[in-house]
PDB file of N, CA and C in Angstrom:
ATOM      1  N   MET A   1       3.455  14.856   5.375  1.00  0.00           N
ATOM      2  CA  MET A   1       3.952  13.869   4.562  1.00  0.00           C
ATOM      3  C   MET A   1       3.467  14.182   3.182  1.00  0.00           C
ATOM      4  N   GLU A   2       4.498  14.039   2.107  1.00  0.00           N
ATOM      5  CA  GLU A   2       4.069  14.301   0.646  1.00  0.00           C
ATOM      6  C   GLU A   2       3.866  13.020  -0.020  1.00  0.00           C
ATOM      7  N   ILE A   3       2.896  13.057  -1.003  1.00  0.00           N
ATOM      8  CA  ILE A   3       2.619  12.002  -1.814  1.00  0.00           C
ATOM      9  C   ILE A   3       2.904  12.457  -3.280  1.00  0.00           C
ATOM     10  N   GLU A   4       3.830  11.737  -3.986  1.00  0.00           N
ATOM     11  CA  GLU A   4       4.216  12.093  -5.245  1.00  0.00           C
ATOM     12  C   GLU A   4       3.410  11.481  -6.276  1.00  0.00           C
ATOM     13  N   ILE A   5       2.992  12.253  -7.381  1.00  0.00           N
ATOM     14  CA  ILE A   5       2.161  11.702  -8.480  1.00  0.00           C
ATOM     15  C   ILE A   5       2.991  12.196  -9.687  1.00  0.00           C
ATOM     16  N   ARG A   6       2.660  11.492 -10.817  1.00  0.00           N
ATOM     17  CA  ARG A   6       3.349  11.758 -12.096  1.00  0.00           C
ATOM     18  C   ARG A   6       2.455  12.874 -12.980  1.00  0.00           C
ATOM     19  N   ASP A   7       1.200  12.848 -12.671  1.00  0.00           N
ATOM     20  CA  ASP A   7       0.434  13.697 -13.485  1.00  0.00           C
ATOM     21  C   ASP A   7       0.107  14.922 -12.698  1.00  0.00           C
ATOM     22  N   ASP A   8      -0.794  15.760 -13.286  1.00  0.00           N
ATOM     23  CA  ASP A   8      -1.387  16.974 -12.447  1.00  0.00           C
ATOM     24  C   ASP A   8      -2.463  16.620 -11.473  1.00  0.00           C
ATOM     25  N   MET A   9      -3.199  15.550 -11.766  1.00  0.00           N
ATOM     26  CA  MET A   9      -4.148  15.112 -10.999  1.00  0.00           C
ATOM     27  C   MET A   9      -4.181  13.575 -10.580  1.00  0.00           C
ATOM     28  N   ILE A  10      -4.929  13.134  -9.562  1.00  0.00           N
ATOM     29  CA  ILE A  10      -5.160  11.714  -9.239  1.00  0.00           C
ATOM     30  C   ILE A  10      -6.450  11.559  -8.558  1.00  0.00           C
ATOM     31  N   ARG A  11      -7.237  10.393  -8.817  1.00  0.00           N
ATOM     32  CA  ARG A  11      -8.349  10.219  -8.185  1.00  0.00           C
ATOM     33  C   ARG A  11      -8.042   9.946  -6.762  1.00  0.00           C
ATOM     34  N   LEU A  12      -9.135  10.291  -5.947  1.00  0.00           N
ATOM     35  CA  LEU A  12      -8.926  10.274  -4.381  1.00  0.00           C
ATOM     36  C   LEU A  12      -8.715   8.751  -4.106  1.00  0.00           C
ATOM     37  N   GLY A  13      -9.466   7.800  -4.517  1.00  0.00           N
ATOM     38  CA  GLY A  13      -9.426   6.417  -4.301  1.00  0.00           C
ATOM     39  C   GLY A  13      -7.897   6.052  -4.601  1.00  0.00           C
ATOM     40  N   GLN A  14      -7.397   6.368  -5.609  1.00  0.00           N
ATOM     41  CA  GLN A  14      -5.974   5.900  -6.036  1.00  0.00           C
ATOM     42  C   GLN A  14      -4.972   6.511  -5.038  1.00  0.00           C
ATOM     43  N   LEU A  15      -5.255   7.887  -4.636  1.00  0.00           N
ATOM     44  CA  LEU A  15      -4.274   8.484  -3.712  1.00  0.00           C
ATOM     45  C   LEU A  15      -4.327   7.722  -2.380  1.00  0.00           C
ATOM     46  N   LEU A  16      -5.505   7.351  -1.968  1.00  0.00           N
ATOM     47  CA  LEU A  16      -5.588   6.626  -0.739  1.00  0.00           C
ATOM     48  C   LEU A  16      -4.922   5.329  -0.739  1.00  0.00           C
ATOM     49  N   LYS A  17      -4.832   4.580  -1.772  1.00  0.00           N
ATOM     50  CA  LYS A  17      -4.078   3.464  -1.895  1.00  0.00           C
ATOM     51  C   LYS A  17      -2.557   3.627  -2.127  1.00  0.00           C
ATOM     52  N   LEU A  18      -2.189   4.711  -2.841  1.00  0.00           N
ATOM     53  CA  LEU A  18      -0.830   5.026  -2.995  1.00  0.00           C
ATOM     54  C   LEU A  18      -0.198   5.425  -1.682  1.00  0.00           C
ATOM     55  N   ALA A  19      -0.962   6.056  -0.862  1.00  0.00           N
ATOM     56  CA  ALA A  19      -0.533   6.552   0.494  1.00  0.00           C
ATOM     57  C   ALA A  19      -0.504   5.339   1.565  1.00  0.00           C
ATOM     58  N   GLY A  20      -1.052   4.216   1.152  1.00  0.00           N
ATOM     59  CA  GLY A  20      -1.029   3.041   1.906  1.00  0.00           C
ATOM     60  C   GLY A  20      -2.125   3.052   3.103  1.00  0.00           C
ATOM     61  N   VAL A  21      -3.033   3.992   2.947  1.00  0.00           N
ATOM     62  CA  VAL A  21      -4.112   4.032   3.839  1.00  0.00           C
ATOM     63  C   VAL A  21      -5.174   2.899   3.650  1.00  0.00           C
ATOM     64  N   VAL A  22      -5.404   2.525   2.438  1.00  0.00           N
ATOM     65  CA  VAL A  22      -6.314   1.480   2.244  1.00  0.00           C
ATOM     66  C   VAL A  22      -5.634   0.391   1.209  1.00  0.00           C
ATOM     67  N   GLU A  23      -6.267  -0.790   1.173  1.00  0.00           N
ATOM     68  CA  GLU A  23      -5.721  -1.820   0.286  1.00  0.00           C
ATOM     69  C   GLU A  23      -6.432  -1.845  -0.985  1.00  0.00           C
ATOM     70  N   ASP A  24      -7.631  -1.474  -0.994  1.00  0.00           N
ATOM     71  CA  ASP A  24      -8.492  -1.581  -2.341  1.00  0.00           C
ATOM     72  C   ASP A  24      -9.575  -0.456  -2.388  1.00  0.00           C
ATOM     73  N   GLY A  25     -10.311  -0.578  -3.482  1.00  0.00           N
ATOM     74  CA  GLY A  25     -11.356   0.334  -3.787  1.00  0.00           C
ATOM     75  C   GLY A  25     -12.469   0.321  -2.675  1.00  0.00           C
ATOM     76  N   SER A  26     -12.831  -0.847  -2.236  1.00  0.00           N
ATOM     77  CA  SER A  26     -14.001  -1.091  -1.266  1.00  0.00           C
ATOM     78  C   SER A  26     -13.479  -0.524   0.072  1.00  0.00           C
ATOM     79  N   ASP A  27     -12.194  -0.564   0.485  1.00  0.00           N
ATOM     80  CA  ASP A  27     -11.859   0.013   1.695  1.00  0.00           C
ATOM     81  C   ASP A  27     -11.843   1.499   1.607  1.00  0.00           C
ATOM     82  N   ALA A  28     -11.569   2.107   0.380  1.00  0.00           N
ATOM     83  CA  ALA A  28     -11.584   3.529   0.221  1.00  0.00           C
ATOM     84  C   ALA A  28     -13.046   4.051   0.240  1.00  0.00           C
ATOM     85  N   LYS A  29     -13.920   3.241  -0.413  1.00  0.00           N
ATOM     86  CA  LYS A  29     -15.364   3.587  -0.459  1.00  0.00           C
ATOM     87  C   LYS A  29     -15.916   3.719   1.000  1.00  0.00           C
ATOM     88  N   GLU A  30     -15.577   2.611   1.893  1.00  0.00           N
ATOM     89  CA  GLU A  30     -16.001   2.746   3.227  1.00  0.00           C
ATOM     90  C   GLU A  30     -15.392   3.789   3.963  1.00  0.00           C
ATOM     91  N   LEU A  31     -14.131   4.185   3.923  1.00  0.00           N
ATOM     92  CA  LEU A  31     -13.496   5.206   4.604  1.00  0.00           C
ATOM     93  C   LEU A  31     -14.165   6.509   4.115  1.00  0.00           C
ATOM     94  N   LEU A  32     -14.455   6.815   2.899  1.00  0.00           N
ATOM     95  CA  LEU A  32     -15.022   7.953   2.426  1.00  0.00           C
ATOM     96  C   LEU A  32     -16.486   8.011   2.913  1.00  0.00           C
ATOM     97  N   ALA A  33     -17.166   6.946   2.959  1.00  0.00           N
ATOM     98  CA  ALA A  33     -18.664   6.906   3.351  1.00  0.00           C
ATOM     99  C   ALA A  33     -18.744   7.414   4.903  1.00  0.00           C
ATOM    100  N   ASP A  34     -17.783   7.077   5.634  1.00  0.00           N
ATOM    101  CA  ASP A  34     -17.509   7.467   7.103  1.00  0.00           C
ATOM    102  C   ASP A  34     -17.255   8.858   7.185  1.00  0.00           C
ATOM    103  N   GLU A  35     -17.047   9.606   6.071  1.00  0.00           N
ATOM    104  CA  GLU A  35     -16.645  11.032   6.076  1.00  0.00           C
ATOM    105  C   GLU A  35     -15.284  11.238   6.755  1.00  0.00           C
ATOM    106  N   GLY A  36     -14.346  10.398   6.568  1.00  0.00           N
ATOM    107  CA  GLY A  36     -13.149  10.319   7.278  1.00  0.00           C
ATOM    108  C   GLY A  36     -12.128  11.091   6.520  1.00  0.00           C
ATOM    109  N   VAL A  37     -12.483  11.615   5.364  1.00  0.00           N
ATOM    110  CA  VAL A  37     -11.447  12.160   4.463  1.00  0.00           C
ATOM    111  C   VAL A  37     -11.812  13.571   4.024  1.00  0.00           C
ATOM    112  N   SER A  38     -10.848  14.599   4.099  1.00  0.00           N
ATOM    113  CA  SER A  38     -11.099  15.847   3.585  1.00  0.00           C
ATOM    114  C   SER A  38     -10.084  16.201   2.721  1.00  0.00           C
ATOM    115  N   VAL A  39     -10.412  17.073   1.523  1.00  0.00           N
ATOM    116  CA  VAL A  39      -9.638  17.598   0.649  1.00  0.00           C
ATOM    117  C   VAL A  39      -9.625  19.076   0.641  1.00  0.00           C
ATOM    118  N   ASP A  40      -8.475  19.691   1.006  1.00  0.00           N
ATOM    119  CA  ASP A  40      -8.401  21.248   1.143  1.00  0.00           C
ATOM    120  C   ASP A  40      -9.390  21.707   2.124  1.00  0.00           C
ATOM    121  N   GLY A  41      -9.536  20.887   3.294  1.00  0.00           N
ATOM    122  CA  GLY A  41     -10.572  21.406   4.335  1.00  0.00           C
ATOM    123  C   GLY A  41     -11.859  21.056   4.046  1.00  0.00           C
ATOM    124  N   GLU A  42     -12.321  20.520   2.970  1.00  0.00           N
ATOM    125  CA  GLU A  42     -13.766  20.076   2.656  1.00  0.00           C
ATOM    126  C   GLU A  42     -13.892  18.558   2.794  1.00  0.00           C
ATOM    127  N   VAL A  43     -14.903  18.098   3.607  1.00  0.00           N
ATOM    128  CA  VAL A  43     -15.117  16.571   3.619  1.00  0.00           C
ATOM    129  C   VAL A  43     -15.571  16.157   2.177  1.00  0.00           C
ATOM    130  N   GLU A  44     -14.869  14.965   1.932  1.00  0.00           N
ATOM    131  CA  GLU A  44     -15.111  14.373   0.644  1.00  0.00           C
ATOM    132  C   GLU A  44     -15.606  12.929   0.692  1.00  0.00           C
ATOM    133  N   THR A  45     -16.612  12.583  -0.153  1.00  0.00           N
ATOM    134  CA  THR A  45     -17.228  11.265   0.003  1.00  0.00           C
ATOM    135  C   THR A  45     -17.093  10.498  -1.273  1.00  0.00           C
ATOM    136  N   ARG A  46     -16.564  11.281  -2.366  1.00  0.00           N
ATOM    137  CA  ARG A  46     -16.458  10.537  -3.681  1.00  0.00           C
ATOM    138  C   ARG A  46     -15.066  10.055  -3.946  1.00  0.00           C
ATOM    139  N   ARG A  47     -15.049   8.788  -4.205  1.00  0.00           N
ATOM    140  CA  ARG A  47     -13.730   8.074  -4.548  1.00  0.00           C
ATOM    141  C   ARG A  47     -13.152   8.639  -5.815  1.00  0.00           C
ATOM    142  N   GLY A  48     -13.918   9.021  -6.805  1.00  0.00           N
ATOM    143  CA  GLY A  48     -13.495   9.436  -8.084  1.00  0.00           C
ATOM    144  C   GLY A  48     -13.093  10.935  -8.138  1.00  0.00           C
ATOM    145  N   ARG A  49     -13.226  11.571  -6.959  1.00  0.00           N
ATOM    146  CA  ARG A  49     -12.776  13.108  -6.943  1.00  0.00           C
ATOM    147  C   ARG A  49     -11.392  13.370  -7.451  1.00  0.00           C
ATOM    148  N   GLN A  50     -11.226  14.206  -8.294  1.00  0.00           N
ATOM    149  CA  GLN A  50      -9.837  14.525  -8.801  1.00  0.00           C
ATOM    150  C   GLN A  50      -9.053  15.387  -7.803  1.00  0.00           C
ATOM    151  N   VAL A  51      -7.911  15.039  -7.382  1.00  0.00           N
ATOM    152  CA  VAL A  51      -7.007  15.637  -6.326  1.00  0.00           C
ATOM    153  C   VAL A  51      -5.943  16.202  -7.290  1.00  0.00           C
ATOM    154  N   GLU A  52      -5.801  17.515  -7.149  1.00  0.00           N
ATOM    155  CA  GLU A  52      -4.763  18.235  -7.913  1.00  0.00           C
ATOM    156  C   GLU A  52      -3.360  18.292  -7.102  1.00  0.00           C
ATOM    157  N   VAL A  53      -2.312  18.644  -7.737  1.00  0.00           N
ATOM    158  CA  VAL A  53      -1.025  18.775  -7.050  1.00  0.00           C
ATOM    159  C   VAL A  53      -1.158  20.039  -6.315  1.00  0.00           C
ATOM    160  N   GLY A  54      -0.576  20.110  -5.099  1.00  0.00           N
ATOM    161  CA  GLY A  54      -0.670  21.200  -4.220  1.00  0.00           C
ATOM    162  C   GLY A  54      -1.939  20.999  -3.199  1.00  0.00           C
ATOM    163  N   SER A  55      -2.915  20.028  -3.332  1.00  0.00           N
ATOM    164  CA  SER A  55      -3.997  19.838  -2.485  1.00  0.00           C
ATOM    165  C   SER A  55      -3.403  19.181  -1.136  1.00  0.00           C
ATOM    166  N   VAL A  56      -4.113  19.441  -0.161  1.00  0.00           N
ATOM    167  CA  VAL A  56      -3.840  18.803   1.289  1.00  0.00           C
ATOM    168  C   VAL A  56      -4.999  17.832   1.478  1.00  0.00           C
ATOM    169  N   VAL A  57      -4.638  16.608   1.718  1.00  0.00           N
ATOM    170  CA  VAL A  57      -5.651  15.560   2.159  1.00  0.00           C
ATOM    171  C   VAL A  57      -5.535  15.156   3.455  1.00  0.00           C
ATOM    172  N   GLU A  58      -6.567  15.156   4.252  1.00  0.00           N
ATOM    173  CA  GLU A  58      -6.447  14.811   5.662  1.00  0.00           C
ATOM    174  C   GLU A  58      -7.411  13.547   5.786  1.00  0.00           C
ATOM    175  N   ILE A  59      -6.758  12.569   6.431  1.00  0.00           N
ATOM    176  CA  ILE A  59      -7.480  11.243   6.578  1.00  0.00           C
ATOM    177  C   ILE A  59      -7.540  11.043   8.242  1.00  0.00           C
ATOM    178  N   ASP A  60      -8.794  10.916   8.775  1.00  0.00           N
ATOM    179  CA  ASP A  60      -9.118  10.628  10.254  1.00  0.00           C
ATOM    180  C   ASP A  60      -8.917   9.081  10.388  1.00  0.00           C
ATOM    181  N   LEU A  61      -7.853   8.541  10.929  1.00  0.00           N
ATOM    182  CA  LEU A  61      -7.626   7.247  11.187  1.00  0.00           C
ATOM    183  C   LEU A  61      -7.690   6.945  12.682  1.00  0.00           C
ATOM    184  N   PRO A  62      -7.855   5.637  13.075  1.00  0.00           N
ATOM    185  CA  PRO A  62      -8.002   5.375  14.453  1.00  0.00           C
ATOM    186  C   PRO A  62      -6.711   5.757  15.290  1.00  0.00           C
ATOM    187  N   GLN A  63      -5.528   5.827  14.685  1.00  0.00           N
ATOM    188  CA  GLN A  63      -4.370   6.343  15.416  1.00  0.00           C
ATOM    189  C   GLN A  63      -4.086   7.879  15.280  1.00  0.00           C
ATOM    190  N   GLY A  64      -5.028   8.530  14.669  1.00  0.00           N
ATOM    191  CA  GLY A  64      -4.997   9.876  14.584  1.00  0.00           C
ATOM    192  C   GLY A  64      -5.158  10.414  13.063  1.00  0.00           C
ATOM    193  N   VAL A  65      -5.034  11.793  12.890  1.00  0.00           N
ATOM    194  CA  VAL A  65      -5.203  12.277  11.725  1.00  0.00           C
ATOM    195  C   VAL A  65      -3.893  12.294  10.858  1.00  0.00           C
ATOM    196  N   GLU A  66      -3.932  11.801   9.608  1.00  0.00           N
ATOM    197  CA  GLU A  66      -2.785  11.805   8.719  1.00  0.00           C
ATOM    198  C   GLU A  66      -3.113  12.988   7.727  1.00  0.00           C
ATOM    199  N   ARG A  67      -1.881  13.674   7.464  1.00  0.00           N
ATOM    200  CA  ARG A  67      -2.067  14.730   6.560  1.00  0.00           C
ATOM    201  C   ARG A  67      -1.073  14.579   5.472  1.00  0.00           C
ATOM    202  N   PHE A  68      -1.660  14.640   4.164  1.00  0.00           N
ATOM    203  CA  PHE A  68      -0.701  14.445   3.088  1.00  0.00           C
ATOM    204  C   PHE A  68      -0.768  15.603   2.041  1.00  0.00           C
ATOM    205  N   THR A  69       0.286  16.150   1.480  1.00  0.00           N
ATOM    206  CA  THR A  69       0.296  17.153   0.603  1.00  0.00           C
ATOM    207  C   THR A  69       0.688  16.418  -0.836  1.00  0.00           C
ATOM    208  N   VAL A  70      -0.176  16.700  -1.875  1.00  0.00           N
ATOM    209  CA  VAL A  70       0.100  16.004  -3.143  1.00  0.00           C
ATOM    210  C   VAL A  70       1.026  16.942  -3.907  1.00  0.00           C
ATOM    211  N   VAL A  71       2.242  16.389  -4.239  1.00  0.00           N
ATOM    212  CA  VAL A  71       3.252  16.972  -5.082  1.00  0.00           C
ATOM    213  C   VAL A  71       3.599  16.171  -6.464  1.00  0.00           C
ATOM    214  N   ARG A  72       4.138  16.825  -7.407  1.00  0.00           N
ATOM    215  CA  ARG A  72       4.526  16.302  -8.559  1.00  0.00           C
ATOM    216  C   ARG A  72       5.851  15.522  -8.340  1.00  0.00           C
ATOM    217  N   ALA A  73       5.881  14.325  -8.822  1.00  0.00           N
ATOM    218  CA  ALA A  73       7.206  13.436  -8.826  1.00  0.00           C
ATOM    219  C   ALA A  73       8.258  14.095  -9.740  1.00  0.00           C
ATOM    220  N   GLY A  74       9.531  14.099  -9.261  1.00  0.00           N
ATOM    221  CA  GLY A  74      10.514  14.451 -10.129  1.00  0.00           C
ATOM    222  C   GLY A  74      11.075  15.694  -9.518  1.00  0.00           C
TER     223      GLY A  74
END
């Protein structure tokens, strides 16, 4: 699945909200603390991590792993 952003980068916490994976920052923080998110194959625990266009974000959810590619809108 692709996630469209307007800029060259987006914070990981914002991306998780945009993707509909979490409702707010505290949900994002909890998911990241559980090491359930990786960016370009590396586990990430920082909500403020800048994610660039072209990055692949994988999220380990109860229903399985969701994979998102970050693309520029337009």
